[in-house]
Protein backbone atom coordinates (compact mmCIF):
# COMPACT_ATOMS: atom_id res chain seq x y z
CA MET A 1 36.45 23.80 -35.73
CA SER A 2 32.95 22.62 -35.04
CA ALA A 3 31.22 23.49 -31.72
CA PRO A 4 30.81 20.59 -29.25
CA ARG A 5 27.49 18.79 -29.18
CA PHE A 6 25.75 18.30 -25.82
CA THR A 7 23.21 15.62 -24.86
CA THR A 8 21.30 15.87 -21.52
CA LEU A 9 19.74 12.94 -19.67
CA GLY A 10 17.67 13.27 -16.50
CA CYS A 11 16.49 16.21 -14.51
CA ARG A 12 15.94 19.94 -15.02
CA LEU A 13 19.07 20.66 -12.97
CA ASN A 14 21.12 18.61 -15.45
CA ALA A 15 19.64 20.64 -18.29
CA TYR A 16 20.56 23.85 -16.46
CA GLU A 17 24.14 22.64 -15.96
CA THR A 18 24.40 21.63 -19.59
CA GLU A 19 23.76 25.29 -20.53
CA ALA A 20 26.55 26.35 -18.19
CA MET A 21 28.90 23.77 -19.69
CA LYS A 22 28.16 25.04 -23.21
CA GLU A 23 29.43 28.46 -22.06
CA LEU A 24 32.53 26.98 -20.37
CA ALA A 25 33.38 24.75 -23.35
CA GLY A 26 32.94 27.68 -25.78
CA GLN A 27 35.23 29.87 -23.67
CA ALA A 28 37.90 27.16 -23.59
CA GLY A 29 37.75 26.60 -27.33
CA LEU A 30 36.73 22.97 -27.15
CA GLY A 31 35.72 21.63 -30.58
CA ASN A 32 34.82 18.44 -32.38
CA ALA A 33 33.49 16.83 -29.24
CA VAL A 34 30.30 15.19 -27.98
CA VAL A 35 29.42 15.69 -24.26
CA VAL A 36 26.88 13.46 -22.52
CA ASN A 37 25.45 14.72 -19.22
CA THR A 38 24.17 11.53 -17.53
CA CYS A 39 21.58 10.67 -14.90
CA ALA A 40 22.01 8.07 -12.14
CA VAL A 41 18.56 8.09 -10.48
CA THR A 42 17.85 4.46 -11.46
CA ALA A 43 19.75 1.55 -12.92
CA GLU A 44 17.64 2.04 -16.04
CA ALA A 45 18.94 5.63 -16.33
CA VAL A 46 22.46 4.32 -16.36
CA ARG A 47 21.61 1.71 -18.99
CA LYS A 48 20.07 4.40 -21.18
CA ALA A 49 23.19 6.54 -20.75
CA ARG A 50 25.39 3.71 -22.01
CA GLN A 51 22.94 3.12 -24.90
CA GLU A 52 23.03 6.84 -25.80
CA ILE A 53 26.86 6.89 -25.67
CA ARG A 54 27.07 3.97 -28.12
CA ARG A 55 24.59 5.64 -30.45
CA LEU A 56 26.44 8.97 -30.36
CA ARG A 57 29.72 7.25 -31.06
CA ARG A 58 28.26 5.59 -34.18
CA GLU A 59 26.89 8.96 -35.36
CA ASN A 60 30.07 10.89 -34.51
CA PRO A 61 32.98 8.60 -35.31
CA GLY A 62 35.63 11.37 -35.44
CA ALA A 63 34.63 13.32 -32.32
CA ARG A 64 35.94 13.09 -28.80
CA LEU A 65 33.24 11.70 -26.55
CA ILE A 66 33.13 13.11 -23.00
CA VAL A 67 30.83 11.66 -20.27
CA THR A 68 29.85 13.62 -17.22
CA GLY A 69 26.91 13.98 -14.81
CA CYS A 70 25.63 11.91 -11.88
CA ALA A 71 26.27 8.46 -13.43
CA ALA A 72 29.79 9.47 -14.30
CA GLN A 73 30.22 10.62 -10.67
CA THR A 74 28.78 7.51 -9.07
CA GLU A 75 30.33 4.92 -11.30
CA PRO A 76 33.20 6.40 -13.36
CA GLU A 77 34.71 2.97 -13.90
CA THR A 78 31.58 1.88 -15.85
CA PHE A 79 32.07 4.61 -18.42
CA ALA A 80 35.91 4.54 -18.42
CA ALA A 81 35.64 0.88 -19.43
CA MET A 82 33.61 1.77 -22.57
CA ALA A 83 35.70 1.87 -25.71
CA GLU A 84 33.48 4.64 -27.06
CA VAL A 85 34.45 7.03 -24.24
CA ASP A 86 37.42 9.39 -24.38
CA ALA A 87 37.04 11.18 -21.01
CA VAL A 88 34.97 10.91 -17.84
CA ILE A 89 34.34 14.07 -15.87
CA GLY A 90 32.79 14.38 -12.36
CA ASN A 91 29.93 16.65 -11.34
CA THR A 92 32.24 19.09 -9.58
CA GLU A 93 34.82 19.13 -12.36
CA LYS A 94 32.21 19.79 -15.08
CA MET A 95 31.45 23.21 -13.57
CA GLN A 96 35.13 24.32 -13.44
CA PRO A 97 36.59 26.45 -16.32
CA GLU A 98 39.98 24.79 -15.91
CA THR A 99 38.42 21.38 -16.64
CA TRP A 100 37.31 22.58 -20.03
CA GLY A 101 40.70 24.16 -20.66
CA ARG A 102 42.35 20.82 -19.98
CA LEU A 103 39.84 19.04 -22.20
CA ALA A 104 40.62 21.46 -25.02
CA ALA A 105 44.35 20.78 -24.45
CA ASP A 106 43.66 17.06 -24.47
CA PHE A 107 43.33 17.25 -28.20
CA ILE A 108 47.12 17.38 -28.14
CA GLY A 109 47.13 14.68 -25.50
CA ASP A 110 48.17 15.87 -22.06
CA THR A 111 45.12 15.23 -19.82
CA GLU A 112 44.05 12.32 -17.60
CA ARG A 113 41.19 10.37 -19.07
CA VAL A 114 39.20 10.24 -15.81
CA GLN A 115 38.72 13.41 -13.73
CA VAL A 116 36.33 12.48 -10.89
CA ASP A 117 37.10 13.58 -7.31
CA ASP A 118 35.33 12.95 -4.01
CA ILE A 119 32.16 15.04 -4.28
CA MET A 120 31.49 14.69 -0.54
CA SER A 121 34.46 17.00 0.07
CA VAL A 122 32.79 19.87 -1.84
CA THR A 123 31.46 22.56 0.51
CA GLU A 124 30.52 25.39 -1.82
CA THR A 125 28.36 25.82 -4.88
CA ALA A 126 30.26 26.35 -8.10
CA GLY A 127 30.11 29.81 -9.64
CA HIS A 128 28.16 28.72 -12.71
CA LEU A 129 25.09 30.90 -12.56
CA ILE A 130 23.70 31.54 -16.05
CA ASP A 131 21.24 34.08 -17.23
CA GLY A 132 18.27 32.89 -19.14
CA PHE A 133 18.05 29.09 -19.21
CA GLY A 134 14.52 28.10 -20.14
CA THR A 135 11.99 29.48 -22.58
CA ARG A 136 11.93 33.15 -23.40
CA SER A 137 9.10 33.45 -20.89
CA ARG A 138 10.45 31.42 -17.95
CA ALA A 139 13.94 31.28 -16.46
CA TYR A 140 15.36 28.68 -14.06
CA VAL A 141 17.71 29.73 -11.27
CA GLN A 142 19.69 27.08 -9.38
CA VAL A 143 19.91 28.12 -5.70
CA GLN A 144 20.95 24.83 -4.14
CA ASN A 145 22.85 21.59 -4.99
CA GLY A 146 23.41 18.31 -3.21
CA CYS A 147 21.50 16.57 -0.41
CA ASP A 148 22.28 15.74 3.24
CA HIS A 149 19.57 13.08 3.53
CA ARG A 150 20.04 9.39 2.80
CA CYS A 151 16.72 7.94 1.58
CA THR A 152 17.20 4.22 1.13
CA PHE A 153 16.19 4.15 -2.54
CA CYS A 154 18.27 7.16 -3.67
CA ILE A 155 21.81 7.34 -5.12
CA ILE A 156 21.68 11.08 -5.85
CA PRO A 157 23.60 12.32 -2.75
CA TYR A 158 26.55 10.25 -4.02
CA GLY A 159 26.30 11.98 -7.39
CA ARG A 160 25.62 15.46 -6.12
CA GLY A 161 27.37 15.59 -2.72
CA ASN A 162 26.16 17.25 0.42
CA SER A 163 23.78 20.25 0.38
CA ARG A 164 25.30 23.60 -0.65
CA SER A 165 23.43 26.89 -0.98
CA VAL A 166 23.87 29.89 -3.28
CA PRO A 167 23.92 33.06 -1.09
CA ALA A 168 20.69 35.10 -1.19
CA GLY A 169 22.44 38.20 -2.47
CA VAL A 170 23.79 36.32 -5.53
CA VAL A 171 20.33 34.84 -6.21
CA VAL A 172 18.63 38.27 -5.98
CA GLU A 173 21.15 39.88 -8.30
CA GLN A 174 20.73 37.15 -10.91
CA ILE A 175 16.94 37.49 -10.81
CA ARG A 176 17.25 41.25 -11.22
CA ARG A 177 19.31 40.59 -14.39
CA LEU A 178 16.73 38.14 -15.67
CA VAL A 179 13.81 40.55 -15.06
CA GLY A 180 15.84 43.27 -16.83
CA ALA A 181 16.29 40.90 -19.77
CA GLY A 182 12.50 40.53 -20.13
CA TYR A 183 11.65 37.36 -18.16
CA HIS A 184 8.30 37.37 -16.48
CA GLU A 185 8.69 34.16 -14.47
CA VAL A 186 11.59 32.71 -12.48
CA VAL A 187 11.67 29.17 -11.06
CA LEU A 188 13.96 28.36 -8.11
CA THR A 189 15.50 24.92 -8.50
CA GLY A 190 17.75 22.63 -6.51
CA VAL A 191 18.29 19.01 -5.55
CA ASP A 192 16.77 19.46 -2.07
CA LEU A 193 15.34 22.94 -2.30
CA THR A 194 13.92 23.25 1.24
CA SER A 195 17.40 22.62 2.68
CA TRP A 196 18.51 25.95 1.15
CA GLY A 197 20.36 28.15 3.63
CA ALA A 198 21.34 25.56 6.26
CA ASP A 199 25.04 25.99 5.36
CA LEU A 200 24.92 29.82 5.13
CA PRO A 201 25.66 32.25 7.96
CA GLY A 202 22.61 32.52 10.23
CA ALA A 203 21.06 29.43 8.66
CA PRO A 204 18.27 31.24 6.71
CA ARG A 205 15.37 29.20 5.36
CA LEU A 206 13.82 28.89 1.90
CA GLY A 207 10.94 31.11 3.00
CA ASP A 208 13.42 33.85 3.88
CA LEU A 209 14.87 33.66 0.39
CA VAL A 210 11.42 33.75 -1.26
CA MET A 211 10.37 36.81 0.78
CA ARG A 212 13.68 38.55 0.08
CA ILE A 213 13.37 37.98 -3.69
CA LEU A 214 9.78 39.30 -3.76
CA ARG A 215 10.73 42.34 -1.66
CA LEU A 216 13.95 43.27 -3.52
CA VAL A 217 12.83 42.49 -7.07
CA PRO A 218 9.41 44.22 -7.16
CA ASP A 219 9.29 44.08 -10.95
CA LEU A 220 9.30 40.27 -11.06
CA PRO A 221 5.69 39.28 -11.99
CA ARG A 222 5.84 35.58 -11.07
CA LEU A 223 8.08 33.51 -8.81
CA ARG A 224 7.70 29.71 -8.76
CA ILE A 225 9.39 27.12 -6.61
CA SER A 226 10.13 23.58 -7.82
CA SER A 227 9.94 20.36 -5.78
CA ILE A 228 9.92 20.79 -1.99
CA ASP A 229 10.03 18.47 1.02
CA SER A 230 6.87 19.55 2.80
CA ILE A 231 8.14 18.56 6.23
CA GLU A 232 10.79 21.28 5.86
CA ALA A 233 8.40 24.09 4.87
CA ASP A 234 9.24 26.97 7.25
CA GLU A 235 7.03 29.71 8.71
CA ASN A 236 8.09 32.38 6.16
CA LEU A 237 7.35 30.04 3.26
CA MET A 238 3.85 29.52 4.59
CA GLN A 239 3.52 33.26 5.07
CA ALA A 240 4.56 33.81 1.47
CA ILE A 241 1.96 31.28 0.31
CA ALA A 242 -0.68 33.12 2.29
CA THR A 243 0.20 36.76 1.39
CA GLU A 244 2.28 36.91 -1.83
CA PRO A 245 0.20 36.70 -5.03
CA ARG A 246 3.40 36.77 -7.10
CA LEU A 247 4.37 33.43 -5.61
CA MET A 248 2.64 30.98 -7.91
CA PRO A 249 -0.01 28.65 -6.41
CA HIS A 250 1.64 25.40 -7.53
CA LEU A 251 3.83 23.17 -5.37
CA HIS A 252 5.44 19.89 -6.32
CA LEU A 253 5.78 17.72 -3.23
CA SER A 254 8.37 15.04 -2.64
CA LEU A 255 6.03 12.57 -0.98
CA GLN A 256 7.21 9.19 -2.34
CA HIS A 257 4.61 7.11 -0.52
CA GLY A 258 1.45 7.15 1.59
CA ASP A 259 2.13 4.38 4.05
CA ASP A 260 3.94 5.07 7.36
CA LEU A 261 5.90 1.84 7.50
CA ILE A 262 7.12 2.18 3.89
CA LEU A 263 8.04 5.81 4.58
CA LYS A 264 10.14 4.67 7.53
CA ARG A 265 11.84 2.00 5.41
CA MET A 266 12.54 4.73 2.84
CA LYS A 267 14.09 6.83 5.68
CA ARG A 268 11.76 9.71 4.80
CA ARG A 269 11.33 12.36 7.51
CA HIS A 270 7.54 12.64 7.31
CA LEU A 271 4.51 10.41 7.87
CA ARG A 272 1.31 10.39 5.85
CA ASP A 273 -0.52 12.63 8.31
CA ASP A 274 2.27 15.21 8.02
CA ALA A 275 1.76 15.33 4.23
CA ILE A 276 -2.07 15.60 4.56
CA ARG A 277 -1.73 18.32 7.18
CA PHE A 278 0.63 20.36 5.02
CA ALA A 279 -1.58 20.14 1.94
CA GLU A 280 -4.70 21.13 3.92
CA GLU A 281 -2.87 24.10 5.52
CA ALA A 282 -1.46 25.31 2.16
CA LEU A 283 -5.00 25.11 0.67
CA ARG A 284 -6.44 27.01 3.64
CA LEU A 285 -3.87 29.77 3.09
CA ARG A 286 -4.17 29.76 -0.71
CA PRO A 287 -7.45 28.17 -1.95
CA ASP A 288 -6.27 28.18 -5.57
CA MET A 289 -3.18 26.10 -4.74
CA THR A 290 -2.53 22.96 -6.83
CA PHE A 291 -0.13 20.18 -5.98
CA GLY A 292 2.10 17.83 -7.96
CA ALA A 293 3.85 14.92 -6.28
CA ASP A 294 6.36 12.14 -6.73
CA ILE A 295 5.07 8.71 -5.71
CA ILE A 296 6.93 5.40 -5.98
CA ALA A 297 4.93 2.28 -6.74
CA GLY A 298 6.15 -1.12 -5.59
CA PHE A 299 8.82 -0.15 -3.10
CA PRO A 300 10.32 -3.26 -1.44
CA THR A 301 7.99 -4.93 1.08
CA GLU A 302 5.02 -2.89 -0.21
CA THR A 303 1.84 -4.89 0.54
CA GLU A 304 -1.53 -4.31 -1.07
CA VAL A 305 -2.63 -2.48 2.08
CA ALA A 306 0.41 -0.23 1.96
CA PHE A 307 -0.15 0.52 -1.67
CA ALA A 308 -3.82 1.38 -0.94
CA ASN A 309 -2.50 4.03 1.49
CA SER A 310 -0.57 5.63 -1.36
CA LEU A 311 -3.58 5.46 -3.62
CA ARG A 312 -5.72 7.19 -0.98
CA LEU A 313 -3.10 9.89 -0.53
CA VAL A 314 -3.88 11.17 -4.04
CA GLU A 315 -7.32 12.31 -2.82
CA GLU A 316 -6.35 13.09 0.76
CA CYS A 317 -3.50 15.46 -0.31
CA HIS A 318 -5.57 16.94 -3.14
CA LEU A 319 -2.91 15.99 -5.67
CA THR A 320 -3.35 16.95 -9.33
CA TRP A 321 -0.09 16.44 -11.18
CA LEU A 322 1.41 12.97 -10.36
CA HIS A 323 4.92 11.76 -11.25
CA VAL A 324 4.61 8.03 -10.77
CA PHE A 325 7.83 6.00 -10.55
CA PRO A 326 7.66 2.17 -10.73
CA TYR A 327 10.35 1.11 -8.24
CA SER A 328 13.51 -0.42 -9.71
CA PRO A 329 16.44 -1.43 -7.48
CA ARG A 330 19.43 0.92 -7.68
CA PRO A 331 22.64 -0.99 -6.95
CA GLY A 332 24.48 0.55 -3.99
CA THR A 333 21.31 1.68 -2.13
CA PRO A 334 19.90 -0.09 0.99
CA ALA A 335 16.49 -0.60 -0.66
CA ALA A 336 18.10 -2.77 -3.35
CA ARG A 337 18.88 -5.31 -0.57
CA MET A 338 15.33 -5.38 0.80
CA PRO A 339 12.70 -8.06 -0.24
CA GLN A 340 11.52 -6.98 -3.70
CA VAL A 341 7.98 -6.73 -5.04
CA GLU A 342 7.27 -8.82 -8.14
CA GLY A 343 7.72 -6.83 -11.37
CA ARG A 344 4.19 -7.35 -12.78
CA THR A 345 2.71 -6.18 -9.49
CA ILE A 346 4.83 -3.01 -9.58
CA LYS A 347 3.75 -2.28 -13.11
CA ALA A 348 0.04 -2.81 -12.25
CA ARG A 349 0.24 -0.61 -9.19
CA ALA A 350 1.96 2.15 -11.13
CA ALA A 351 -0.82 1.97 -13.70
CA ARG A 352 -3.47 2.34 -10.93
CA LEU A 353 -1.67 5.36 -9.55
CA ARG A 354 -1.54 6.98 -12.98
CA GLU A 355 -5.28 6.32 -13.45
CA ALA A 356 -5.96 8.08 -10.17
CA GLY A 357 -3.78 10.96 -11.30
CA ALA A 358 -5.58 11.16 -14.63
CA ALA A 359 -8.95 11.41 -12.81
CA ARG A 360 -7.59 14.24 -10.66
CA VAL A 361 -6.35 16.08 -13.75
CA ALA A 362 -9.75 15.67 -15.43
CA ALA A 363 -11.47 17.10 -12.36
CA HIS A 364 -9.07 20.03 -12.19
CA LEU A 365 -9.58 20.85 -15.90
CA ALA A 366 -13.39 20.60 -15.64
CA ALA A 367 -13.39 22.95 -12.65
CA GLN A 368 -11.66 25.71 -14.63
CA ARG A 369 -14.52 26.24 -17.10
CA GLY A 370 -15.61 29.89 -16.89
CA GLN A 371 -12.63 30.89 -14.74
CA ARG A 372 -10.33 33.80 -15.61
CA HIS A 373 -6.59 33.11 -15.56
CA ALA A 374 -3.42 35.11 -16.07
CA VAL A 375 -1.62 33.01 -18.65
CA LEU A 376 2.13 33.22 -19.31
CA MET A 377 2.59 32.54 -23.03
CA GLU A 378 5.29 30.01 -23.86
CA SER A 379 4.57 29.88 -27.61
CA PRO A 380 2.21 31.84 -29.84
CA ARG A 381 -0.75 29.56 -29.00
CA MET A 382 0.13 27.91 -25.69
CA GLY A 383 0.71 29.28 -22.19
CA ARG A 384 0.38 28.24 -18.58
CA THR A 385 -1.88 29.41 -15.75
CA GLU A 386 -0.55 30.29 -12.32
CA GLN A 387 -1.18 26.64 -11.40
CA PHE A 388 1.03 25.51 -14.34
CA THR A 389 -1.92 24.18 -16.37
CA GLU A 390 -1.45 24.45 -20.12
CA VAL A 391 -3.92 26.69 -22.00
CA LEU A 392 -4.45 26.61 -25.76
CA PHE A 393 -5.51 29.65 -27.77
CA ASP A 394 -7.06 29.76 -31.24
CA SER A 395 -5.03 32.80 -32.33
CA ASP A 396 -1.48 34.00 -31.76
CA ARG A 397 -0.29 35.81 -28.66
CA ALA A 398 3.24 37.17 -28.08
CA PRO A 399 5.45 34.57 -26.31
CA GLY A 400 6.67 35.83 -22.99
CA THR A 401 3.70 38.01 -22.27
CA ILE A 402 1.09 37.48 -19.59
CA VAL A 403 -2.41 37.56 -20.98
CA SER A 404 -5.84 37.30 -19.31
CA ALA A 405 -8.06 34.50 -20.60
CA THR A 406 -11.44 32.97 -19.80
CA ILE A 407 -11.53 29.20 -19.94
CA ALA A 408 -14.13 27.77 -22.29
CA GLY A 409 -13.37 24.11 -21.74
CA HIS A 410 -10.61 21.48 -22.15
CA ASN A 411 -9.40 18.79 -24.50
CA GLY A 412 -8.61 16.21 -21.83
CA THR A 413 -5.12 17.41 -21.06
CA GLN A 414 -5.12 21.18 -21.68
CA LEU A 415 -7.43 24.09 -21.03
CA LEU A 416 -9.03 25.91 -24.01
CA ALA A 417 -9.21 29.70 -23.96
CA ALA A 418 -12.47 31.28 -25.02
């Protein structure tokens, strides 16, 4: 019996959950199957999922084809209607051992084809913590799932459900195991990371979790946090930024736009001045801090003036690593019903944002010449600085180790070690 094949579309959290599903499917004895873990963030993501399903069916004509993930959760009927699909599994169900047991049994034909329940009724995180997802140098730990906010462009809450947190004690114990297994860096991940703790007794905050990890796992060399909503940064998180060198000086900010009216139409909870104020305070507390950010180009009703405010935000928030998203309407979201910006304009604005981002990267790389960095090696000749910048070496280093390097220059996208 051949092991099931898994394909992951979308975010890092999906990739994490695919690793958990591999374990669950293996324990259940599922074989001769193809599992597609889908993304629903845009209509284009759903289109790509359907395209991938058709391709996988052609390449695996005798296998059962199982579709799960956010797109399966938000529109199960779309995938159930595809002749190529044998089963559709929701985001809650995919993390349950009994689901995979039923799927294994389905090879003798006793399971419903569609298993997708109301994810809004889920109040706890599933027990699917896994040890060691990532490279041999860096592990990712999911501490939160779901989102309580309803941004007008976003379908994700309907795919992930409301916010649920993993208790701090469980997180700390997992990180201890990872450090014991030789990992030198752990990344905390979630759908809405700064909402961590709101559903736990005493309503702790993300900063409390960070401080607890650093205090109780003293052998952890590097702790990194993934995308945050800066308006929800709490006092202890700022204290950790200021005082904890093991917390890496790199934050990815969920900004989305730089114009106040557009931010209100997005139903974001911050204004442009809030974002600028946070970035300046974080830099004051940690001068070596670098920022990434998500920015949407061409959101409905975006004028040239509004776009210019986003463009200026790149400098005003000292952004380095930009993730630029050309807006595309997602059916089922309020933004899809708003007056749309013309497609060529969206594309041109996205290109201008990317140009601004490239200039910021070039400035960052140039400023590192002559600097010493602690570099976590991901492969024999490539590692990353504390700020997550790639560094190339001209001779081999042991992957997973942290080495000290002086920067001699750069090649346009990566630093070069002396």
